[in-house]
Amino acid sequence: MAVIKHLFHIAAPRVDVYKALSTIDGLSNWWTTDVKGDSKAGGTIEFKFGKGGHDAKVLELTPNELVKWENLTGFGDWKGTTITFYLDENDGKTRVRFTHDGWKEADDMYASVNFSWALYLVSLKKFCETGTGQAYGSATYRK
């Protein structure tokens, strides 16, 4: 199995980063504007990107520390993969350890998703630091 991993820092309090990851409003500001559902543990969130998208079950939430989802549907081999955000403090910033785990192989879809995650994680960072992300469907989205 292949794992996508990213590690980066956000100059914002962990509570703010956690809210951006664990609430529908937060997610709509950095990932996609077309997001709905139940973002509580056990709930399902629907993420839409134009005609595509995926549904994710919220597996775990630990306030200001952890957000973990299981993808129930999605692009290519997304189904059954897990997305996890681990948060901690480092040098006065919020350190984010991101994984998208369970890929069958590191193929072209995996490479494309890895690239897209890097762009969206920059959007998360911008949203938490400035209040403006680049979510899919927003006026600031880079096409």
Protein backbone atom coordinates (compact mmCIF):
# COMPACT_ATOMS: atom_id res chain seq x y z
CA MET A 1 0.00 0.00 0.00
CA ALA A 2 1.10 3.54 -0.75
CA VAL A 3 0.76 6.57 1.53
CA ILE A 4 0.66 10.26 0.65
CA LYS A 5 2.38 12.31 3.36
CA HIS A 6 2.84 16.03 3.85
CA LEU A 7 4.36 17.92 6.79
CA PHE A 8 4.07 21.70 7.11
CA HIS A 9 3.56 24.53 9.60
CA ILE A 10 0.76 27.07 9.88
CA ALA A 11 1.24 30.39 11.71
CA ALA A 12 -2.12 30.14 13.45
CA PRO A 13 -3.39 28.61 16.71
CA ARG A 14 -4.21 24.90 16.69
CA VAL A 15 -7.82 25.66 17.61
CA ASP A 16 -8.22 27.63 14.36
CA VAL A 17 -6.59 24.95 12.23
CA TYR A 18 -8.73 22.29 13.88
CA LYS A 19 -11.91 24.28 13.11
CA ALA A 20 -10.83 24.60 9.47
CA LEU A 21 -10.51 20.79 9.31
CA SER A 22 -13.45 19.70 11.44
CA THR A 23 -16.36 21.95 10.45
CA ILE A 24 -18.35 22.28 7.23
CA ASP A 25 -17.76 26.05 7.21
CA GLY A 26 -14.03 25.59 7.71
CA LEU A 27 -13.71 22.95 4.97
CA SER A 28 -15.65 25.12 2.50
CA ASN A 29 -13.06 27.87 2.84
CA TRP A 30 -9.99 25.90 1.77
CA TRP A 31 -10.97 22.63 0.03
CA THR A 32 -14.27 22.93 -1.86
CA THR A 33 -17.15 25.35 -1.53
CA ASP A 34 -19.59 22.49 -2.25
CA VAL A 35 -19.35 20.54 1.00
CA LYS A 36 -22.18 19.41 3.26
CA GLY A 37 -23.07 16.76 5.78
CA ASP A 38 -22.36 15.89 9.39
CA SER A 39 -18.80 16.71 10.45
CA LYS A 40 -19.15 15.11 13.90
CA ALA A 41 -17.57 11.72 14.72
CA GLY A 42 -19.59 9.00 12.98
CA GLY A 43 -21.07 11.48 10.50
CA THR A 44 -20.63 11.58 6.72
CA ILE A 45 -19.35 14.57 4.77
CA GLU A 46 -20.04 15.03 1.05
CA PHE A 47 -17.31 16.80 -0.93
CA LYS A 48 -18.16 17.87 -4.51
CA PHE A 49 -15.71 19.07 -7.16
CA GLY A 50 -17.81 19.91 -10.20
CA LYS A 51 -19.35 16.66 -11.46
CA GLY A 52 -17.11 14.51 -9.24
CA GLY A 53 -16.49 14.17 -5.56
CA HIS A 54 -16.46 11.78 -2.67
CA ASP A 55 -18.15 10.99 0.62
CA ALA A 56 -16.13 10.50 3.79
CA LYS A 57 -17.08 9.07 7.16
CA VAL A 58 -15.66 10.93 10.14
CA LEU A 59 -13.77 8.22 12.05
CA GLU A 60 -12.04 10.22 14.77
CA LEU A 61 -11.96 13.73 16.15
CA THR A 62 -9.69 14.79 19.00
CA PRO A 63 -10.10 18.53 19.57
CA ASN A 64 -7.06 20.50 18.39
CA GLU A 65 -5.09 17.27 17.73
CA LEU A 66 -6.63 14.87 15.21
CA VAL A 67 -9.13 14.64 12.34
CA LYS A 68 -9.52 11.29 10.55
CA TRP A 69 -11.87 10.28 7.73
CA GLU A 70 -12.51 7.11 5.74
CA ASN A 71 -13.43 7.65 2.10
CA LEU A 72 -16.64 5.78 1.31
CA THR A 73 -16.69 6.76 -2.39
CA GLY A 74 -14.48 8.77 -4.69
CA PHE A 75 -12.13 9.21 -7.59
CA GLY A 76 -10.19 6.15 -8.79
CA ASP A 77 -8.91 4.23 -5.78
CA TRP A 78 -10.12 6.72 -3.15
CA LYS A 79 -12.73 4.31 -1.76
CA GLY A 80 -11.42 2.74 1.44
CA THR A 81 -8.51 5.14 1.85
CA THR A 82 -8.14 7.21 5.01
CA ILE A 83 -7.23 10.87 5.39
CA THR A 84 -5.68 11.99 8.68
CA PHE A 85 -4.58 15.36 9.98
CA TYR A 86 -2.38 15.29 13.10
CA LEU A 87 -1.87 18.67 14.79
CA ASP A 88 0.70 19.72 17.38
CA GLU A 89 2.70 22.79 18.41
CA ASN A 90 6.19 23.39 17.04
CA ASP A 91 8.25 26.59 17.22
CA GLY A 92 5.16 28.67 18.04
CA LYS A 93 3.23 27.37 15.03
CA THR A 94 0.77 24.57 14.35
CA ARG A 95 2.55 21.62 12.78
CA VAL A 96 0.33 19.58 10.46
CA ARG A 97 1.20 15.98 9.69
CA PHE A 98 -1.06 14.87 6.87
CA THR A 99 -1.54 11.35 5.52
CA HIS A 100 -3.79 9.90 2.83
CA ASP A 101 -3.30 6.19 3.41
CA GLY A 102 -4.43 2.94 1.83
CA TRP A 103 -3.62 3.50 -1.83
CA LYS A 104 -3.33 0.22 -3.73
CA GLU A 105 -0.31 1.48 -5.65
CA ALA A 106 1.66 4.62 -6.40
CA ASP A 107 0.22 4.96 -9.93
CA ASP A 108 -0.71 8.02 -12.00
CA MET A 109 -3.91 8.67 -9.98
CA TYR A 110 -1.87 8.56 -6.77
CA ALA A 111 0.63 11.04 -8.23
CA SER A 112 -2.14 13.37 -9.39
CA VAL A 113 -3.88 13.28 -6.01
CA ASN A 114 -0.57 13.88 -4.21
CA PHE A 115 -0.02 17.02 -6.33
CA SER A 116 -3.58 18.22 -5.70
CA TRP A 117 -3.23 17.67 -1.95
CA ALA A 118 -0.14 19.89 -1.94
CA LEU A 119 -2.15 22.70 -3.55
CA TYR A 120 -5.11 22.30 -1.20
CA LEU A 121 -2.87 22.13 1.86
CA VAL A 122 -1.35 25.45 0.80
CA SER A 123 -4.95 26.71 0.59
CA LEU A 124 -5.54 25.45 4.17
CA LYS A 125 -2.42 27.28 5.31
CA LYS A 126 -3.49 30.51 3.56
CA PHE A 127 -7.00 30.28 5.00
CA CYS A 128 -5.77 29.78 8.56
CA GLU A 129 -3.15 32.53 8.30
CA THR A 130 -5.05 35.17 6.29
CA GLY A 131 -8.75 34.23 6.34
CA THR A 132 -8.81 33.57 2.59
CA GLY A 133 -8.20 30.13 1.11
CA GLN A 134 -8.39 28.94 -2.48
CA ALA A 135 -11.18 26.35 -2.25
CA TYR A 136 -12.46 24.68 -5.38
CA GLY A 137 -15.41 26.75 -6.62
CA SER A 138 -14.33 29.98 -4.90
CA ALA A 139 -13.46 33.25 -6.59
CA THR A 140 -9.82 32.73 -5.52
CA TYR A 141 -9.57 29.16 -6.90
CA ARG A 142 -6.63 28.77 -9.26
CA LYS A 143 -7.72 26.97 -12.42
